[in-house]
Amino acid sequence: MAAFAQRVRGVYEPGAAIKLILTDTHAELNGYAPHGVREYFAEVDAGAGERGFETCFLSQLTQAAEGVDACDTNDDLVPEQTLQRLSAGAQKWYRGGGTAGQGALKYFQMNMIEKRAVERAFPRSIFVTFNGSDLRSLFPDYLPIFYMYSLRRGVGVKPWFLPAPETGNSEGVDLP
């Protein structure tokens, strides 16, 4: 990411600024220990700062969007393929209350709020994700999307702070 930003700065005035959105809301939904999550994000923040990136918490963006239409998800239908993909991920990572399927639905609904909060906070930005376009409905509707992929085996395993489950897949899994 640092090399990417440097290349953009070399070509375009004023360049590129990268802000990593720390998905504390996702860790909370998935039932991970707050202390471990805080330590993890503190390490990510320190590493980001060393590379010239800023960070912010997704919870702060959603709080800032409360009370506006960004938080209304009544009209969001869950695409069946998306729910299947999220449910498969929830089977591996969800530790919250209820079933993995319920966790996947909560995750989708939460993302509908978050994507609106992100586009409200960063209206002149490009949204970068390591997820594939098959999850497009989870990303901001009105921002250009840049899909990044790792060419190294195992680098796409998410969440990054947990060991990959034993799946027999040497490339790991790529989950939201």
C-alpha atoms as a PDB file:
ATOM      1  CA  MET A   1       0.000   0.000   0.000  1.00  0.00           C
ATOM      2  CA  ALA A   2       2.844   2.390   0.785  1.00  0.00           C
ATOM      3  CA  ALA A   3       4.420   1.732  -2.623  1.00  0.00           C
ATOM      4  CA  PHE A   4       1.032   2.206  -4.274  1.00  0.00           C
ATOM      5  CA  ALA A   5       0.539   5.593  -2.573  1.00  0.00           C
ATOM      6  CA  GLN A   6       4.080   6.647  -3.472  1.00  0.00           C
ATOM      7  CA  ARG A   7       3.496   5.852  -7.160  1.00  0.00           C
ATOM      8  CA  VAL A   8       0.276   7.889  -7.151  1.00  0.00           C
ATOM      9  CA  ARG A   9       1.996  10.822  -5.414  1.00  0.00           C
ATOM     10  CA  GLY A  10       4.681  10.740  -8.114  1.00  0.00           C
ATOM     11  CA  VAL A  11       2.136  11.180 -10.898  1.00  0.00           C
ATOM     12  CA  TYR A  12      -0.812  13.154  -9.524  1.00  0.00           C
ATOM     13  CA  GLU A  13      -0.933  16.453  -7.727  1.00  0.00           C
ATOM     14  CA  PRO A  14      -1.643  16.535  -4.784  1.00  0.00           C
ATOM     15  CA  GLY A  15      -1.078  12.772  -4.714  1.00  0.00           C
ATOM     16  CA  ALA A  16      -2.828  10.215  -2.591  1.00  0.00           C
ATOM     17  CA  ALA A  17      -3.644   9.935   1.057  1.00  0.00           C
ATOM     18  CA  ILE A  18      -4.547   6.547   2.469  1.00  0.00           C
ATOM     19  CA  LYS A  19      -6.797   6.210   5.469  1.00  0.00           C
ATOM     20  CA  LEU A  20      -7.302   2.717   6.834  1.00  0.00           C
ATOM     21  CA  ILE A  21     -10.728   2.173   8.326  1.00  0.00           C
ATOM     22  CA  LEU A  22     -10.325  -0.067  11.354  1.00  0.00           C
ATOM     23  CA  THR A  23     -13.363  -2.332  11.475  1.00  0.00           C
ATOM     24  CA  ASP A  24     -13.902  -2.424  15.217  1.00  0.00           C
ATOM     25  CA  THR A  25     -17.619  -2.904  14.615  1.00  0.00           C
ATOM     26  CA  HIS A  26     -16.933  -6.192  12.823  1.00  0.00           C
ATOM     27  CA  ALA A  27     -14.760  -7.492  15.645  1.00  0.00           C
ATOM     28  CA  GLU A  28     -17.477  -6.575  18.164  1.00  0.00           C
ATOM     29  CA  LEU A  29     -20.223  -8.256  16.115  1.00  0.00           C
ATOM     30  CA  ASN A  30     -18.125 -11.398  15.811  1.00  0.00           C
ATOM     31  CA  GLY A  31     -17.728 -11.550  19.596  1.00  0.00           C
ATOM     32  CA  TYR A  32     -13.972 -11.059  19.920  1.00  0.00           C
ATOM     33  CA  ALA A  33     -12.482  -9.901  23.208  1.00  0.00           C
ATOM     34  CA  PRO A  34     -12.298  -6.088  23.317  1.00  0.00           C
ATOM     35  CA  HIS A  35      -8.818  -6.098  24.879  1.00  0.00           C
ATOM     36  CA  GLY A  36      -7.345  -8.275  22.115  1.00  0.00           C
ATOM     37  CA  VAL A  37      -9.064  -6.215  19.431  1.00  0.00           C
ATOM     38  CA  ARG A  38      -7.719  -2.960  20.923  1.00  0.00           C
ATOM     39  CA  GLU A  39      -4.186  -4.399  20.988  1.00  0.00           C
ATOM     40  CA  TYR A  40      -4.500  -5.573  17.388  1.00  0.00           C
ATOM     41  CA  PHE A  41      -5.773  -2.224  16.122  1.00  0.00           C
ATOM     42  CA  ALA A  42      -3.074  -0.382  18.104  1.00  0.00           C
ATOM     43  CA  GLU A  43      -0.472  -2.437  16.229  1.00  0.00           C
ATOM     44  CA  VAL A  44      -2.180  -1.753  12.891  1.00  0.00           C
ATOM     45  CA  ASP A  45      -2.345   1.964  13.704  1.00  0.00           C
ATOM     46  CA  ALA A  46       1.365   2.047  14.595  1.00  0.00           C
ATOM     47  CA  GLY A  47       2.298   0.198  11.401  1.00  0.00           C
ATOM     48  CA  ALA A  48       0.068   2.470   9.331  1.00  0.00           C
ATOM     49  CA  GLY A  49       1.667   5.562  10.859  1.00  0.00           C
ATOM     50  CA  GLU A  50       5.135   4.253  10.014  1.00  0.00           C
ATOM     51  CA  ARG A  51       4.021   4.022   6.380  1.00  0.00           C
ATOM     52  CA  GLY A  52       2.383   7.443   6.254  1.00  0.00           C
ATOM     53  CA  PHE A  53      -1.222   6.258   6.541  1.00  0.00           C
ATOM     54  CA  GLU A  54      -3.890   7.575   8.854  1.00  0.00           C
ATOM     55  CA  THR A  55      -6.497   5.413  10.535  1.00  0.00           C
ATOM     56  CA  CYS A  56      -9.994   5.846  11.894  1.00  0.00           C
ATOM     57  CA  PHE A  57     -12.492   3.531  13.515  1.00  0.00           C
ATOM     58  CA  LEU A  58     -15.566   2.433  11.617  1.00  0.00           C
ATOM     59  CA  SER A  59     -17.618   2.916  14.782  1.00  0.00           C
ATOM     60  CA  GLN A  60     -16.714   6.628  14.726  1.00  0.00           C
ATOM     61  CA  LEU A  61     -17.892   6.950  11.123  1.00  0.00           C
ATOM     62  CA  THR A  62     -21.208   5.241  11.856  1.00  0.00           C
ATOM     63  CA  GLN A  63     -21.749   7.340  14.993  1.00  0.00           C
ATOM     64  CA  ALA A  64     -21.162  10.489  12.956  1.00  0.00           C
ATOM     65  CA  ALA A  65     -23.790   9.314  10.446  1.00  0.00           C
ATOM     66  CA  GLU A  66     -26.438   8.511  13.078  1.00  0.00           C
ATOM     67  CA  GLY A  67     -29.641  10.441  12.721  1.00  0.00           C
ATOM     68  CA  VAL A  68     -29.329  10.755   8.947  1.00  0.00           C
ATOM     69  CA  ASP A  69     -30.584   8.507   6.176  1.00  0.00           C
ATOM     70  CA  ALA A  70     -27.264   6.644   6.259  1.00  0.00           C
ATOM     71  CA  CYS A  71     -28.642   4.503   9.075  1.00  0.00           C
ATOM     72  CA  ASP A  72     -31.906   3.440   7.394  1.00  0.00           C
ATOM     73  CA  THR A  73     -31.578  -0.125   6.097  1.00  0.00           C
ATOM     74  CA  ASN A  74     -35.246  -1.026   5.720  1.00  0.00           C
ATOM     75  CA  ASP A  75     -35.002  -1.078   1.931  1.00  0.00           C
ATOM     76  CA  ASP A  76     -31.910  -3.281   1.682  1.00  0.00           C
ATOM     77  CA  LEU A  77     -32.622  -6.748   0.350  1.00  0.00           C
ATOM     78  CA  VAL A  78     -29.941  -9.358   0.938  1.00  0.00           C
ATOM     79  CA  PRO A  79     -28.793 -10.972  -2.324  1.00  0.00           C
ATOM     80  CA  GLU A  80     -29.000 -14.745  -1.799  1.00  0.00           C
ATOM     81  CA  GLN A  81     -25.473 -15.365  -3.099  1.00  0.00           C
ATOM     82  CA  THR A  82     -24.113 -12.703  -0.732  1.00  0.00           C
ATOM     83  CA  LEU A  83     -25.925 -14.204   2.249  1.00  0.00           C
ATOM     84  CA  GLN A  84     -24.537 -17.647   1.377  1.00  0.00           C
ATOM     85  CA  ARG A  85     -21.004 -16.274   1.202  1.00  0.00           C
ATOM     86  CA  LEU A  86     -21.392 -14.349   4.457  1.00  0.00           C
ATOM     87  CA  SER A  87     -22.910 -17.387   6.181  1.00  0.00           C
ATOM     88  CA  ALA A  88     -19.939 -19.527   5.130  1.00  0.00           C
ATOM     89  CA  GLY A  89     -17.591 -16.949   6.630  1.00  0.00           C
ATOM     90  CA  ALA A  90     -19.688 -16.687   9.772  1.00  0.00           C
ATOM     91  CA  GLN A  91     -19.432 -20.452  10.265  1.00  0.00           C
ATOM     92  CA  LYS A  92     -15.679 -19.989  10.658  1.00  0.00           C
ATOM     93  CA  TRP A  93     -15.380 -16.645  12.445  1.00  0.00           C
ATOM     94  CA  TYR A  94     -18.644 -15.647  14.150  1.00  0.00           C
ATOM     95  CA  ARG A  95     -18.502 -15.903  17.956  1.00  0.00           C
ATOM     96  CA  GLY A  96     -21.402 -13.565  18.771  1.00  0.00           C
ATOM     97  CA  GLY A  97     -24.873 -14.390  20.056  1.00  0.00           C
ATOM     98  CA  GLY A  98     -27.216 -16.498  17.948  1.00  0.00           C
ATOM     99  CA  THR A  99     -26.469 -18.729  14.990  1.00  0.00           C
ATOM    100  CA  ALA A 100     -23.880 -18.127  12.307  1.00  0.00           C
ATOM    101  CA  GLY A 101     -26.724 -17.422   9.861  1.00  0.00           C
ATOM    102  CA  GLN A 102     -28.109 -14.763  12.189  1.00  0.00           C
ATOM    103  CA  GLY A 103     -24.612 -13.329  12.519  1.00  0.00           C
ATOM    104  CA  ALA A 104     -24.283 -13.178   8.720  1.00  0.00           C
ATOM    105  CA  LEU A 105     -27.590 -11.309   8.428  1.00  0.00           C
ATOM    106  CA  LYS A 106     -26.539  -8.858  11.172  1.00  0.00           C
ATOM    107  CA  TYR A 107     -23.233  -8.393   9.356  1.00  0.00           C
ATOM    108  CA  PHE A 108     -25.019  -7.567   6.092  1.00  0.00           C
ATOM    109  CA  GLN A 109     -27.370  -5.099   7.810  1.00  0.00           C
ATOM    110  CA  MET A 110     -24.449  -3.487   9.616  1.00  0.00           C
ATOM    111  CA  ASN A 111     -22.573  -3.144   6.315  1.00  0.00           C
ATOM    112  CA  MET A 112     -25.532  -1.338   4.755  1.00  0.00           C
ATOM    113  CA  ILE A 113     -25.185   1.345   7.439  1.00  0.00           C
ATOM    114  CA  GLU A 114     -21.393   1.380   7.301  1.00  0.00           C
ATOM    115  CA  LYS A 115     -21.121   1.746   3.530  1.00  0.00           C
ATOM    116  CA  ARG A 116     -23.349   4.833   3.695  1.00  0.00           C
ATOM    117  CA  ALA A 117     -21.326   6.237   6.583  1.00  0.00           C
ATOM    118  CA  VAL A 118     -18.078   5.703   4.631  1.00  0.00           C
ATOM    119  CA  GLU A 119     -19.312   7.455   1.498  1.00  0.00           C
ATOM    120  CA  ARG A 120     -20.630  10.307   3.654  1.00  0.00           C
ATOM    121  CA  ALA A 121     -17.270  10.671   5.436  1.00  0.00           C
ATOM    122  CA  PHE A 122     -15.148  10.340   2.278  1.00  0.00           C
ATOM    123  CA  PRO A 123     -17.232  11.604  -0.670  1.00  0.00           C
ATOM    124  CA  ARG A 124     -14.230  12.354  -2.929  1.00  0.00           C
ATOM    125  CA  SER A 125     -12.394   9.093  -2.325  1.00  0.00           C
ATOM    126  CA  ILE A 126     -11.744   5.733  -3.886  1.00  0.00           C
ATOM    127  CA  PHE A 127     -12.799   2.772  -1.771  1.00  0.00           C
ATOM    128  CA  VAL A 128     -10.110   0.072  -1.721  1.00  0.00           C
ATOM    129  CA  THR A 129     -10.953  -3.466  -0.678  1.00  0.00           C
ATOM    130  CA  PHE A 130      -9.284  -6.840  -0.579  1.00  0.00           C
ATOM    131  CA  ASN A 131     -12.680  -8.509  -1.095  1.00  0.00           C
ATOM    132  CA  GLY A 132     -13.856  -9.519  -4.532  1.00  0.00           C
ATOM    133  CA  SER A 133     -16.531  -7.917  -6.661  1.00  0.00           C
ATOM    134  CA  ASP A 134     -18.939 -10.708  -5.706  1.00  0.00           C
ATOM    135  CA  LEU A 135     -19.479  -8.737  -2.470  1.00  0.00           C
ATOM    136  CA  ARG A 136     -20.096  -5.441  -4.288  1.00  0.00           C
ATOM    137  CA  SER A 137     -23.381  -4.873  -2.456  1.00  0.00           C
ATOM    138  CA  LEU A 138     -21.389  -4.391   0.781  1.00  0.00           C
ATOM    139  CA  PHE A 139     -19.344  -1.468  -0.562  1.00  0.00           C
ATOM    140  CA  PRO A 140     -20.273   2.209  -0.965  1.00  0.00           C
ATOM    141  CA  ASP A 141     -22.695   2.744  -3.843  1.00  0.00           C
ATOM    142  CA  TYR A 142     -21.400   6.156  -4.901  1.00  0.00           C
ATOM    143  CA  LEU A 143     -17.632   5.721  -4.671  1.00  0.00           C
ATOM    144  CA  PRO A 144     -15.348   4.121  -7.235  1.00  0.00           C
ATOM    145  CA  ILE A 145     -14.138   0.721  -6.009  1.00  0.00           C
ATOM    146  CA  PHE A 146     -10.551  -0.512  -6.380  1.00  0.00           C
ATOM    147  CA  TYR A 147     -10.240  -4.256  -5.836  1.00  0.00           C
ATOM    148  CA  MET A 148      -6.814  -5.332  -4.609  1.00  0.00           C
ATOM    149  CA  TYR A 149      -5.601  -8.900  -4.605  1.00  0.00           C
ATOM    150  CA  SER A 150      -2.553 -10.484  -3.087  1.00  0.00           C
ATOM    151  CA  LEU A 151      -0.450 -12.731  -5.273  1.00  0.00           C
ATOM    152  CA  ARG A 152       1.193 -14.403  -2.262  1.00  0.00           C
ATOM    153  CA  ARG A 153      -0.442 -17.545  -0.921  1.00  0.00           C
ATOM    154  CA  GLY A 154      -2.144 -17.141   2.453  1.00  0.00           C
ATOM    155  CA  VAL A 155      -1.989 -13.336   2.486  1.00  0.00           C
ATOM    156  CA  GLY A 156      -5.707 -13.026   1.764  1.00  0.00           C
ATOM    157  CA  VAL A 157      -6.678 -14.785   4.997  1.00  0.00           C
ATOM    158  CA  LYS A 158      -9.013 -12.628   7.057  1.00  0.00           C
ATOM    159  CA  PRO A 159      -9.448 -11.591   9.728  1.00  0.00           C
ATOM    160  CA  TRP A 160      -5.735 -10.990   9.788  1.00  0.00           C
ATOM    161  CA  PHE A 161      -5.367 -11.183  13.538  1.00  0.00           C
ATOM    162  CA  LEU A 162      -6.547 -14.795  13.726  1.00  0.00           C
ATOM    163  CA  PRO A 163      -4.861 -17.960  12.483  1.00  0.00           C
ATOM    164  CA  ALA A 164      -6.371 -19.468   9.336  1.00  0.00           C
ATOM    165  CA  PRO A 165      -8.687 -22.418   9.951  1.00  0.00           C
ATOM    166  CA  GLU A 166      -7.516 -25.782   8.750  1.00  0.00           C
ATOM    167  CA  THR A 167      -9.416 -26.054   5.474  1.00  0.00           C
ATOM    168  CA  GLY A 168      -6.932 -27.851   3.289  1.00  0.00           C
ATOM    169  CA  ASN A 169      -6.869 -24.733   1.119  1.00  0.00           C
ATOM    170  CA  SER A 170      -3.247 -23.640   0.902  1.00  0.00           C
ATOM    171  CA  GLU A 171      -4.334 -20.184  -0.218  1.00  0.00           C
ATOM    172  CA  GLY A 172      -6.378 -19.585   2.927  1.00  0.00           C
ATOM    173  CA  VAL A 173      -9.834 -18.107   2.865  1.00  0.00           C
ATOM    174  CA  ASP A 174     -10.976 -14.679   1.821  1.00  0.00           C
ATOM    175  CA  LEU A 175     -13.814 -13.590   4.057  1.00  0.00           C
ATOM    176  CA  PRO A 176     -15.336 -10.198   4.818  1.00  0.00           C
END
